[in-house]
Amino acid sequence: MNLHRRAGTLSDGVDPVLLNVEAAGWTYAGLRVLRLGAGEARAVHTGEYEAFVLPLAGSCTVRVDGLEFVLNGRDSVFTRVTDFAYVPRDAEVELSTVDGVEVALPMARCGNRLAPRYGPAEQVPVEVRGAGPATRQVTSFGVPGVWDHADKLNACELITPDGNWSSYPPHKHDEASECEVVNEEIYYFRIAGHDGITTSGAGFGMHRTYTADGALEENVVVRDGDVFLVPRGYHGPCIAAPGYPMYYLNVLAGPAPERSMAFCDDPAHTWVRDSWAGQPTDPRCPVTDHEGRCR
């Protein structure tokens, strides 16, 4: 399986990413990233997937099942927490925009059809995790316990200040056990340029995924627009190169009857969590909230 899908390799016409379960080579998790020009409208058929509609840059209106949601978006994933919407499987969704929009649709193949729902940015929790050089922001818009209106789909956003590490300690969720559930996971990366806001192909970061037996060992350079698939194994860290803040959208889905993002640390590195108790957090976090950039 090709786990690292470089920017452009999943494009579909003007759309940057079209990744369904067949293209991923697994069963549940998918992702689309659509690009609409000023004044454009687009019909999207969800089929067997439920999805979130998450503006990455720009704002849009969502019409589905006779409902209309106006999503107040953002200039960049590095500037603000955004409104979003949940749309069900077997739906025709109309997306429209006044000024143009790039919008992500994290998706999960599911069995139950739920009602559409609007998610306001001001209700999205922003958490600072880690400490020292492992400080990062987690924006938990679509996770269990925060957003329970989904059948299989879990999603969240991460912002890692330049020079910092995230998805650390390495962790996995590839078997049902006392501490983890099975989830397929997608990482969708955006990398800021020198202004810390505008996404740029010049920047880069690192990502690692591996298994304890060494059968899987991926240490890759990730750039703006790259996708990485995690079918199994420990994953982390994600490292933002100095000068280039890193964003990623995580999409998770799996066979468990109840949505969960439970995981197990790599036991060789879980001690790192205890070391954070004596370290200050990076003052650059949180980077954003629903009102805009925090610093």
C-alpha atoms as a PDB file:
ATOM      1  CA  MET A   1       0.000   0.000   0.000  1.00  0.00           C
ATOM      2  CA  ASN A   2       1.262   3.469  -0.908  1.00  0.00           C
ATOM      3  CA  LEU A   3       0.875   5.362   2.371  1.00  0.00           C
ATOM      4  CA  HIS A   4       2.340   8.735   1.405  1.00  0.00           C
ATOM      5  CA  ARG A   5       0.250  10.459  -1.257  1.00  0.00           C
ATOM      6  CA  ARG A   6       2.055  13.601  -2.362  1.00  0.00           C
ATOM      7  CA  ALA A   7       0.202  16.798  -3.208  1.00  0.00           C
ATOM      8  CA  GLY A   8      -1.390  16.500  -6.641  1.00  0.00           C
ATOM      9  CA  THR A   9      -1.432  12.704  -6.821  1.00  0.00           C
ATOM     10  CA  LEU A  10      -5.018  12.526  -5.498  1.00  0.00           C
ATOM     11  CA  SER A  11      -6.350  15.499  -7.460  1.00  0.00           C
ATOM     12  CA  ASP A  12      -9.623  15.320  -9.372  1.00  0.00           C
ATOM     13  CA  GLY A  13      -9.789  18.134 -11.896  1.00  0.00           C
ATOM     14  CA  VAL A  14      -9.569  21.400  -9.932  1.00  0.00           C
ATOM     15  CA  ASP A  15     -10.100  19.574  -6.639  1.00  0.00           C
ATOM     16  CA  PRO A  16      -6.898  18.877  -4.671  1.00  0.00           C
ATOM     17  CA  VAL A  17      -7.948  15.568  -3.041  1.00  0.00           C
ATOM     18  CA  LEU A  18     -10.332  12.733  -3.854  1.00  0.00           C
ATOM     19  CA  LEU A  19      -9.624   9.774  -1.559  1.00  0.00           C
ATOM     20  CA  ASN A  20     -12.311   7.126  -1.150  1.00  0.00           C
ATOM     21  CA  VAL A  21     -11.894   3.762   0.551  1.00  0.00           C
ATOM     22  CA  GLU A  22     -11.045   2.020  -2.716  1.00  0.00           C
ATOM     23  CA  ALA A  23      -8.225   4.467  -3.430  1.00  0.00           C
ATOM     24  CA  ALA A  24      -6.989   4.150   0.160  1.00  0.00           C
ATOM     25  CA  GLY A  25      -7.122   0.343   0.128  1.00  0.00           C
ATOM     26  CA  TRP A  26      -9.173   0.002   3.302  1.00  0.00           C
ATOM     27  CA  THR A  27     -12.789   0.071   4.530  1.00  0.00           C
ATOM     28  CA  TYR A  28     -13.976   3.195   6.361  1.00  0.00           C
ATOM     29  CA  ALA A  29     -12.089   6.528   6.195  1.00  0.00           C
ATOM     30  CA  GLY A  30     -12.015   8.953   3.266  1.00  0.00           C
ATOM     31  CA  LEU A  31     -11.306  12.577   2.397  1.00  0.00           C
ATOM     32  CA  ARG A  32     -12.215  15.046  -0.304  1.00  0.00           C
ATOM     33  CA  VAL A  33     -10.859  18.572  -0.682  1.00  0.00           C
ATOM     34  CA  LEU A  34     -12.880  20.709  -3.082  1.00  0.00           C
ATOM     35  CA  ARG A  35     -11.999  24.057  -4.640  1.00  0.00           C
ATOM     36  CA  LEU A  36     -14.811  26.368  -5.750  1.00  0.00           C
ATOM     37  CA  GLY A  37     -14.267  29.690  -7.507  1.00  0.00           C
ATOM     38  CA  ALA A  38     -16.044  32.948  -6.717  1.00  0.00           C
ATOM     39  CA  GLY A  39     -19.780  32.644  -7.318  1.00  0.00           C
ATOM     40  CA  GLU A  40     -19.572  28.893  -7.962  1.00  0.00           C
ATOM     41  CA  ALA A  41     -21.947  26.211  -6.708  1.00  0.00           C
ATOM     42  CA  ARG A  42     -21.352  22.465  -6.688  1.00  0.00           C
ATOM     43  CA  ALA A  43     -23.550  19.431  -6.007  1.00  0.00           C
ATOM     44  CA  VAL A  44     -21.910  16.622  -4.015  1.00  0.00           C
ATOM     45  CA  HIS A  45     -23.503  13.202  -3.604  1.00  0.00           C
ATOM     46  CA  THR A  46     -22.382  11.578  -0.350  1.00  0.00           C
ATOM     47  CA  GLY A  47     -23.384   8.021  -1.273  1.00  0.00           C
ATOM     48  CA  GLU A  48     -22.417   5.601   1.496  1.00  0.00           C
ATOM     49  CA  TYR A  49     -20.331   8.233   3.333  1.00  0.00           C
ATOM     50  CA  GLU A  50     -21.218  10.659   6.106  1.00  0.00           C
ATOM     51  CA  ALA A  51     -19.035  13.779   6.113  1.00  0.00           C
ATOM     52  CA  PHE A  52     -18.123  17.044   7.749  1.00  0.00           C
ATOM     53  CA  VAL A  53     -18.010  20.173   5.594  1.00  0.00           C
ATOM     54  CA  LEU A  54     -14.980  22.086   6.879  1.00  0.00           C
ATOM     55  CA  PRO A  55     -13.833  25.313   5.191  1.00  0.00           C
ATOM     56  CA  LEU A  56     -10.045  25.508   4.887  1.00  0.00           C
ATOM     57  CA  ALA A  57      -9.863  28.901   3.176  1.00  0.00           C
ATOM     58  CA  GLY A  58     -12.942  31.006   2.481  1.00  0.00           C
ATOM     59  CA  SER A  59     -16.594  30.638   3.464  1.00  0.00           C
ATOM     60  CA  CYS A  60     -19.506  28.727   1.967  1.00  0.00           C
ATOM     61  CA  THR A  61     -23.184  27.881   2.234  1.00  0.00           C
ATOM     62  CA  VAL A  62     -24.361  24.278   2.589  1.00  0.00           C
ATOM     63  CA  ARG A  63     -27.824  23.155   1.480  1.00  0.00           C
ATOM     64  CA  VAL A  64     -28.936  19.620   2.283  1.00  0.00           C
ATOM     65  CA  ASP A  65     -32.274  17.909   3.044  1.00  0.00           C
ATOM     66  CA  GLY A  66     -34.105  21.247   2.791  1.00  0.00           C
ATOM     67  CA  LEU A  67     -31.799  22.925   5.339  1.00  0.00           C
ATOM     68  CA  GLU A  68     -29.295  25.741   4.801  1.00  0.00           C
ATOM     69  CA  PHE A  69     -26.147  26.355   6.845  1.00  0.00           C
ATOM     70  CA  VAL A  70     -23.979  29.434   6.300  1.00  0.00           C
ATOM     71  CA  LEU A  71     -20.412  28.544   7.294  1.00  0.00           C
ATOM     72  CA  ASN A  72     -18.264  31.483   8.372  1.00  0.00           C
ATOM     73  CA  GLY A  73     -14.831  30.247   7.364  1.00  0.00           C
ATOM     74  CA  ARG A  74     -11.316  31.672   7.524  1.00  0.00           C
ATOM     75  CA  ASP A  75      -8.535  33.084   5.409  1.00  0.00           C
ATOM     76  CA  SER A  76      -6.258  30.145   6.251  1.00  0.00           C
ATOM     77  CA  VAL A  77      -6.206  27.122   8.556  1.00  0.00           C
ATOM     78  CA  PHE A  78      -3.636  29.088  10.571  1.00  0.00           C
ATOM     79  CA  THR A  79      -5.892  32.109  11.242  1.00  0.00           C
ATOM     80  CA  ARG A  80      -9.143  30.919  12.816  1.00  0.00           C
ATOM     81  CA  VAL A  81     -11.275  28.051  14.025  1.00  0.00           C
ATOM     82  CA  THR A  82     -14.115  27.684  11.516  1.00  0.00           C
ATOM     83  CA  ASP A  83     -17.805  26.868  11.446  1.00  0.00           C
ATOM     84  CA  PHE A  84     -18.563  23.433   9.991  1.00  0.00           C
ATOM     85  CA  ALA A  85     -21.495  21.199   9.126  1.00  0.00           C
ATOM     86  CA  TYR A  86     -22.327  17.500   9.345  1.00  0.00           C
ATOM     87  CA  VAL A  87     -23.988  15.937   6.294  1.00  0.00           C
ATOM     88  CA  PRO A  88     -25.361  12.377   6.184  1.00  0.00           C
ATOM     89  CA  ARG A  89     -24.927   9.492   3.800  1.00  0.00           C
ATOM     90  CA  ASP A  90     -27.284   9.192   0.818  1.00  0.00           C
ATOM     91  CA  ALA A  91     -27.610  12.969   0.515  1.00  0.00           C
ATOM     92  CA  GLU A  92     -27.299  15.518  -2.254  1.00  0.00           C
ATOM     93  CA  VAL A  93     -25.359  18.442  -0.827  1.00  0.00           C
ATOM     94  CA  GLU A  94     -25.106  21.800  -2.565  1.00  0.00           C
ATOM     95  CA  LEU A  95     -22.065  23.894  -1.747  1.00  0.00           C
ATOM     96  CA  SER A  96     -21.931  27.511  -2.874  1.00  0.00           C
ATOM     97  CA  THR A  97     -19.593  30.424  -2.252  1.00  0.00           C
ATOM     98  CA  VAL A  98     -19.509  34.151  -2.899  1.00  0.00           C
ATOM     99  CA  ASP A  99     -15.771  34.785  -2.877  1.00  0.00           C
ATOM    100  CA  GLY A 100     -14.378  31.291  -3.452  1.00  0.00           C
ATOM    101  CA  VAL A 101     -13.594  28.502  -1.009  1.00  0.00           C
ATOM    102  CA  GLU A 102     -11.354  25.510  -0.436  1.00  0.00           C
ATOM    103  CA  VAL A 103     -13.281  23.056   1.684  1.00  0.00           C
ATOM    104  CA  ALA A 104     -12.425  19.660   3.191  1.00  0.00           C
ATOM    105  CA  LEU A 105     -14.907  16.814   3.455  1.00  0.00           C
ATOM    106  CA  PRO A 106     -13.531  14.278   5.946  1.00  0.00           C
ATOM    107  CA  MET A 107     -15.673  11.187   5.356  1.00  0.00           C
ATOM    108  CA  ALA A 108     -16.523   7.791   6.818  1.00  0.00           C
ATOM    109  CA  ARG A 109     -18.391   4.922   5.205  1.00  0.00           C
ATOM    110  CA  CYS A 110     -21.268   4.170   7.545  1.00  0.00           C
ATOM    111  CA  GLY A 111     -24.582   2.338   7.876  1.00  0.00           C
ATOM    112  CA  ASN A 112     -26.848   4.809   9.662  1.00  0.00           C
ATOM    113  CA  ARG A 113     -28.289   7.973   8.157  1.00  0.00           C
ATOM    114  CA  LEU A 114     -28.440  10.872  10.633  1.00  0.00           C
ATOM    115  CA  ALA A 115     -29.874  14.357  10.160  1.00  0.00           C
ATOM    116  CA  PRO A 116     -27.712  17.240   8.904  1.00  0.00           C
ATOM    117  CA  ARG A 117     -26.420  19.593  11.606  1.00  0.00           C
ATOM    118  CA  TYR A 118     -24.549  22.892  11.940  1.00  0.00           C
ATOM    119  CA  GLY A 119     -21.436  23.312  14.109  1.00  0.00           C
ATOM    120  CA  PRO A 120     -20.649  26.894  15.179  1.00  0.00           C
ATOM    121  CA  ALA A 121     -16.997  27.828  15.614  1.00  0.00           C
ATOM    122  CA  GLU A 122     -17.578  29.361  19.045  1.00  0.00           C
ATOM    123  CA  GLN A 123     -18.569  25.935  20.407  1.00  0.00           C
ATOM    124  CA  VAL A 124     -15.418  24.161  19.162  1.00  0.00           C
ATOM    125  CA  PRO A 125     -12.970  23.472  22.008  1.00  0.00           C
ATOM    126  CA  VAL A 126      -9.327  24.383  21.530  1.00  0.00           C
ATOM    127  CA  GLU A 127      -6.831  22.495  23.689  1.00  0.00           C
ATOM    128  CA  VAL A 128      -3.119  22.964  24.257  1.00  0.00           C
ATOM    129  CA  ARG A 129      -1.387  19.588  24.588  1.00  0.00           C
ATOM    130  CA  GLY A 130       2.135  18.622  25.515  1.00  0.00           C
ATOM    131  CA  ALA A 131       4.801  20.991  26.796  1.00  0.00           C
ATOM    132  CA  GLY A 132       8.118  22.473  25.753  1.00  0.00           C
ATOM    133  CA  PRO A 133       8.978  21.583  22.151  1.00  0.00           C
ATOM    134  CA  ALA A 134       6.086  19.081  22.085  1.00  0.00           C
ATOM    135  CA  THR A 135       3.446  21.814  22.597  1.00  0.00           C
ATOM    136  CA  ARG A 136       0.675  21.889  19.988  1.00  0.00           C
ATOM    137  CA  GLN A 137      -2.929  22.981  19.505  1.00  0.00           C
ATOM    138  CA  VAL A 138      -5.740  20.450  19.103  1.00  0.00           C
ATOM    139  CA  THR A 139      -9.038  21.717  17.683  1.00  0.00           C
ATOM    140  CA  SER A 140     -11.576  19.023  18.585  1.00  0.00           C
ATOM    141  CA  PHE A 141     -14.503  19.896  16.352  1.00  0.00           C
ATOM    142  CA  GLY A 142     -15.601  16.356  15.450  1.00  0.00           C
ATOM    143  CA  VAL A 143     -14.503  14.023  18.257  1.00  0.00           C
ATOM    144  CA  PRO A 144     -16.571  11.847  20.612  1.00  0.00           C
ATOM    145  CA  GLY A 145     -17.708  13.684  23.702  1.00  0.00           C
ATOM    146  CA  VAL A 146     -17.615  17.003  21.863  1.00  0.00           C
ATOM    147  CA  TRP A 147     -19.523  16.129  18.705  1.00  0.00           C
ATOM    148  CA  ASP A 148     -21.609  12.991  19.183  1.00  0.00           C
ATOM    149  CA  HIS A 149     -23.770  13.431  16.071  1.00  0.00           C
ATOM    150  CA  ALA A 150     -22.052  10.940  13.758  1.00  0.00           C
ATOM    151  CA  ASP A 151     -22.156   7.222  13.084  1.00  0.00           C
ATOM    152  CA  LYS A 152     -18.500   6.341  12.346  1.00  0.00           C
ATOM    153  CA  LEU A 153     -16.712   9.614  11.617  1.00  0.00           C
ATOM    154  CA  ASN A 154     -14.128  11.250  13.898  1.00  0.00           C
ATOM    155  CA  ALA A 155     -12.093  14.314  12.942  1.00  0.00           C
ATOM    156  CA  CYS A 156      -9.926  16.998  14.530  1.00  0.00           C
ATOM    157  CA  GLU A 157      -7.381  19.632  13.542  1.00  0.00           C
ATOM    158  CA  LEU A 158      -3.817  20.094  14.830  1.00  0.00           C
ATOM    159  CA  ILE A 159      -1.546  23.111  14.600  1.00  0.00           C
ATOM    160  CA  THR A 160       2.118  22.600  15.442  1.00  0.00           C
ATOM    161  CA  PRO A 161       4.233  25.769  15.790  1.00  0.00           C
ATOM    162  CA  ASP A 162       7.382  25.745  13.697  1.00  0.00           C
ATOM    163  CA  GLY A 163      10.170  23.731  15.303  1.00  0.00           C
ATOM    164  CA  ASN A 164       7.775  21.716  17.503  1.00  0.00           C
ATOM    165  CA  TRP A 165       6.769  18.050  17.584  1.00  0.00           C
ATOM    166  CA  SER A 166       3.209  16.678  17.677  1.00  0.00           C
ATOM    167  CA  SER A 167       1.475  13.292  17.505  1.00  0.00           C
ATOM    168  CA  TYR A 168       3.953  12.436  20.224  1.00  0.00           C
ATOM    169  CA  PRO A 169       4.622  10.110  21.963  1.00  0.00           C
ATOM    170  CA  PRO A 170       3.997   7.707  19.066  1.00  0.00           C
ATOM    171  CA  HIS A 171       0.713   5.857  19.454  1.00  0.00           C
ATOM    172  CA  LYS A 172      -1.421   3.299  17.655  1.00  0.00           C
ATOM    173  CA  HIS A 173      -5.028   2.152  17.289  1.00  0.00           C
ATOM    174  CA  ASP A 174      -4.981  -1.011  15.211  1.00  0.00           C
ATOM    175  CA  GLU A 175      -6.472  -3.623  17.552  1.00  0.00           C
ATOM    176  CA  ALA A 176      -9.309  -3.883  20.054  1.00  0.00           C
ATOM    177  CA  SER A 177      -7.818  -3.925  23.542  1.00  0.00           C
ATOM    178  CA  GLU A 178      -8.188  -2.378  26.977  1.00  0.00           C
ATOM    179  CA  CYS A 179      -6.642   0.909  25.804  1.00  0.00           C
ATOM    180  CA  GLU A 180      -7.361   1.176  22.069  1.00  0.00           C
ATOM    181  CA  VAL A 181      -9.907   0.625  19.315  1.00  0.00           C
ATOM    182  CA  VAL A 182      -9.325  -0.078  15.629  1.00  0.00           C
ATOM    183  CA  ASN A 183      -9.310   3.067  13.487  1.00  0.00           C
ATOM    184  CA  GLU A 184      -8.028   3.835  10.018  1.00  0.00           C
ATOM    185  CA  GLU A 185      -6.521   7.324  10.018  1.00  0.00           C
ATOM    186  CA  ILE A 186      -5.778  10.002   7.440  1.00  0.00           C
ATOM    187  CA  TYR A 187      -3.362  12.895   7.929  1.00  0.00           C
ATOM    188  CA  TYR A 188      -3.916  15.838   5.573  1.00  0.00           C
ATOM    189  CA  PHE A 189      -1.066  18.354   5.869  1.00  0.00           C
ATOM    190  CA  ARG A 190      -0.931  22.091   5.227  1.00  0.00           C
ATOM    191  CA  ILE A 191       2.369  23.892   5.749  1.00  0.00           C
ATOM    192  CA  ALA A 192       2.643  27.669   6.209  1.00  0.00           C
ATOM    193  CA  GLY A 193       5.318  29.799   4.613  1.00  0.00           C
ATOM    194  CA  HIS A 194       7.466  32.502   6.168  1.00  0.00           C
ATOM    195  CA  ASP A 195       4.464  34.613   7.306  1.00  0.00           C
ATOM    196  CA  GLY A 196       3.098  31.715   9.365  1.00  0.00           C
ATOM    197  CA  ILE A 197      -0.315  32.052   7.717  1.00  0.00           C
ATOM    198  CA  THR A 198      -0.198  31.536   3.957  1.00  0.00           C
ATOM    199  CA  THR A 199       0.218  27.925   2.859  1.00  0.00           C
ATOM    200  CA  SER A 200       3.311  27.374   0.772  1.00  0.00           C
ATOM    201  CA  GLY A 201       5.009  24.604  -1.144  1.00  0.00           C
ATOM    202  CA  ALA A 202       8.350  25.874   0.106  1.00  0.00           C
ATOM    203  CA  GLY A 203       7.831  24.603   3.637  1.00  0.00           C
ATOM    204  CA  PHE A 204       8.103  21.046   4.912  1.00  0.00           C
ATOM    205  CA  GLY A 205       7.890  18.793   7.934  1.00  0.00           C
ATOM    206  CA  MET A 206       8.470  15.167   8.898  1.00  0.00           C
ATOM    207  CA  HIS A 207       6.132  12.283   9.691  1.00  0.00           C
ATOM    208  CA  ARG A 208       6.845   8.796  11.031  1.00  0.00           C
ATOM    209  CA  THR A 209       4.706   5.615  11.012  1.00  0.00           C
ATOM    210  CA  TYR A 210       6.126   2.230  12.071  1.00  0.00           C
ATOM    211  CA  THR A 211       5.323  -1.150  13.598  1.00  0.00           C
ATOM    212  CA  ALA A 212       7.067  -2.725  16.572  1.00  0.00           C
ATOM    213  CA  ASP A 213       8.279  -5.664  14.448  1.00  0.00           C
ATOM    214  CA  GLY A 214       9.842  -3.367  11.846  1.00  0.00           C
ATOM    215  CA  ALA A 215       7.572  -4.572   9.044  1.00  0.00           C
ATOM    216  CA  LEU A 216       6.443  -0.982   8.529  1.00  0.00           C
ATOM    217  CA  GLU A 217       8.963   1.859   8.807  1.00  0.00           C
ATOM    218  CA  GLU A 218       7.994   5.117   7.089  1.00  0.00           C
ATOM    219  CA  ASN A 219       9.971   8.292   7.758  1.00  0.00           C
ATOM    220  CA  VAL A 220       8.850  10.849   5.199  1.00  0.00           C
ATOM    221  CA  VAL A 221       9.156  14.523   4.337  1.00  0.00           C
ATOM    222  CA  VAL A 222       5.661  16.016   4.116  1.00  0.00           C
ATOM    223  CA  ARG A 223       4.806  19.196   2.256  1.00  0.00           C
ATOM    224  CA  ASP A 224       1.762  21.386   1.810  1.00  0.00           C
ATOM    225  CA  GLY A 225      -1.188  19.346   0.503  1.00  0.00           C
ATOM    226  CA  ASP A 226       0.295  15.898   1.199  1.00  0.00           C
ATOM    227  CA  VAL A 227      -1.839  13.044   2.554  1.00  0.00           C
ATOM    228  CA  PHE A 228      -0.535  10.202   4.697  1.00  0.00           C
ATOM    229  CA  LEU A 229      -2.524   7.005   5.395  1.00  0.00           C
ATOM    230  CA  VAL A 230      -2.138   5.122   8.671  1.00  0.00           C
ATOM    231  CA  PRO A 231      -3.640   1.616   8.318  1.00  0.00           C
ATOM    232  CA  ARG A 232      -1.811   0.215  11.350  1.00  0.00           C
ATOM    233  CA  GLY A 233       1.185   0.718  13.589  1.00  0.00           C
ATOM    234  CA  TYR A 234       2.542   3.514  15.744  1.00  0.00           C
ATOM    235  CA  HIS A 235       2.484   6.991  14.249  1.00  0.00           C
ATOM    236  CA  GLY A 236       4.327  10.058  15.387  1.00  0.00           C
ATOM    237  CA  PRO A 237       6.008  12.311  15.651  1.00  0.00           C
ATOM    238  CA  CYS A 238       4.950  14.938  13.161  1.00  0.00           C
ATOM    239  CA  ILE A 239       7.690  17.575  13.180  1.00  0.00           C
ATOM    240  CA  ALA A 240       7.306  21.131  11.897  1.00  0.00           C
ATOM    241  CA  ALA A 241      10.575  22.395  10.455  1.00  0.00           C
ATOM    242  CA  PRO A 242      11.846  25.685  11.923  1.00  0.00           C
ATOM    243  CA  GLY A 243      10.217  28.554  10.052  1.00  0.00           C
ATOM    244  CA  TYR A 244       7.269  26.473   8.793  1.00  0.00           C
ATOM    245  CA  PRO A 245       4.220  25.938  11.054  1.00  0.00           C
ATOM    246  CA  MET A 246       2.360  22.693  10.372  1.00  0.00           C
ATOM    247  CA  TYR A 247      -1.386  21.995  10.243  1.00  0.00           C
ATOM    248  CA  TYR A 248      -2.998  18.637   9.768  1.00  0.00           C
ATOM    249  CA  LEU A 249      -6.543  17.383   9.598  1.00  0.00           C
ATOM    250  CA  ASN A 250      -6.978  13.935  11.156  1.00  0.00           C
ATOM    251  CA  VAL A 251      -9.801  11.708   9.896  1.00  0.00           C
ATOM    252  CA  LEU A 252     -10.486   8.461  11.768  1.00  0.00           C
ATOM    253  CA  ALA A 253     -13.079   5.720  11.328  1.00  0.00           C
ATOM    254  CA  GLY A 254     -13.268   2.028  12.107  1.00  0.00           C
ATOM    255  CA  PRO A 255     -15.448  -0.999  12.811  1.00  0.00           C
ATOM    256  CA  ALA A 256     -16.190  -0.410  16.515  1.00  0.00           C
ATOM    257  CA  PRO A 257     -19.941  -0.094  17.239  1.00  0.00           C
ATOM    258  CA  GLU A 258     -19.312   3.111  19.216  1.00  0.00           C
ATOM    259  CA  ARG A 259     -17.149   5.980  17.960  1.00  0.00           C
ATOM    260  CA  SER A 260     -13.872   6.227  19.847  1.00  0.00           C
ATOM    261  CA  MET A 261     -10.383   7.638  19.333  1.00  0.00           C
ATOM    262  CA  ALA A 262      -8.768   5.528  22.078  1.00  0.00           C
ATOM    263  CA  PHE A 263      -5.106   4.670  21.486  1.00  0.00           C
ATOM    264  CA  CYS A 264      -2.050   3.092  23.105  1.00  0.00           C
ATOM    265  CA  ASP A 265       1.346   4.791  23.335  1.00  0.00           C
ATOM    266  CA  ASP A 266       4.480   3.036  22.201  1.00  0.00           C
ATOM    267  CA  PRO A 267       5.584   1.778  25.648  1.00  0.00           C
ATOM    268  CA  ALA A 268       9.189   2.722  24.872  1.00  0.00           C
ATOM    269  CA  HIS A 269       8.247   6.411  24.771  1.00  0.00           C
ATOM    270  CA  THR A 270       5.206   6.889  26.993  1.00  0.00           C
ATOM    271  CA  TRP A 271       7.439   8.163  29.820  1.00  0.00           C
ATOM    272  CA  VAL A 272       7.742  11.410  27.877  1.00  0.00           C
ATOM    273  CA  ARG A 273       4.232  12.373  28.987  1.00  0.00           C
ATOM    274  CA  ASP A 274       5.366  12.466  32.634  1.00  0.00           C
ATOM    275  CA  SER A 275       8.245  14.777  31.740  1.00  0.00           C
ATOM    276  CA  TRP A 276       5.802  17.467  30.589  1.00  0.00           C
ATOM    277  CA  ALA A 277       4.741  18.122  34.187  1.00  0.00           C
ATOM    278  CA  GLY A 278       7.944  20.081  34.806  1.00  0.00           C
ATOM    279  CA  GLN A 279       7.995  22.009  31.546  1.00  0.00           C
ATOM    280  CA  PRO A 280       6.152  25.192  30.512  1.00  0.00           C
ATOM    281  CA  THR A 281       3.980  25.105  27.418  1.00  0.00           C
ATOM    282  CA  ASP A 282       5.059  26.983  24.325  1.00  0.00           C
ATOM    283  CA  PRO A 283       3.535  30.495  24.594  1.00  0.00           C
ATOM    284  CA  ARG A 284       2.699  30.402  20.866  1.00  0.00           C
ATOM    285  CA  CYS A 285      -0.155  28.025  21.707  1.00  0.00           C
ATOM    286  CA  PRO A 286      -3.043  28.268  21.307  1.00  0.00           C
ATOM    287  CA  VAL A 287      -2.416  29.656  17.841  1.00  0.00           C
ATOM    288  CA  THR A 288      -6.087  30.256  16.979  1.00  0.00           C
ATOM    289  CA  ASP A 289      -9.623  30.225  18.329  1.00  0.00           C
ATOM    290  CA  HIS A 290     -13.040  31.157  16.941  1.00  0.00           C
ATOM    291  CA  GLU A 291     -12.205  34.862  17.171  1.00  0.00           C
ATOM    292  CA  GLY A 292      -8.969  34.577  15.178  1.00  0.00           C
ATOM    293  CA  ARG A 293      -5.262  34.304  15.834  1.00  0.00           C
ATOM    294  CA  CYS A 294      -4.450  34.383  19.547  1.00  0.00           C
ATOM    295  CA  ARG A 295      -0.999  35.921  19.111  1.00  0.00           C
END
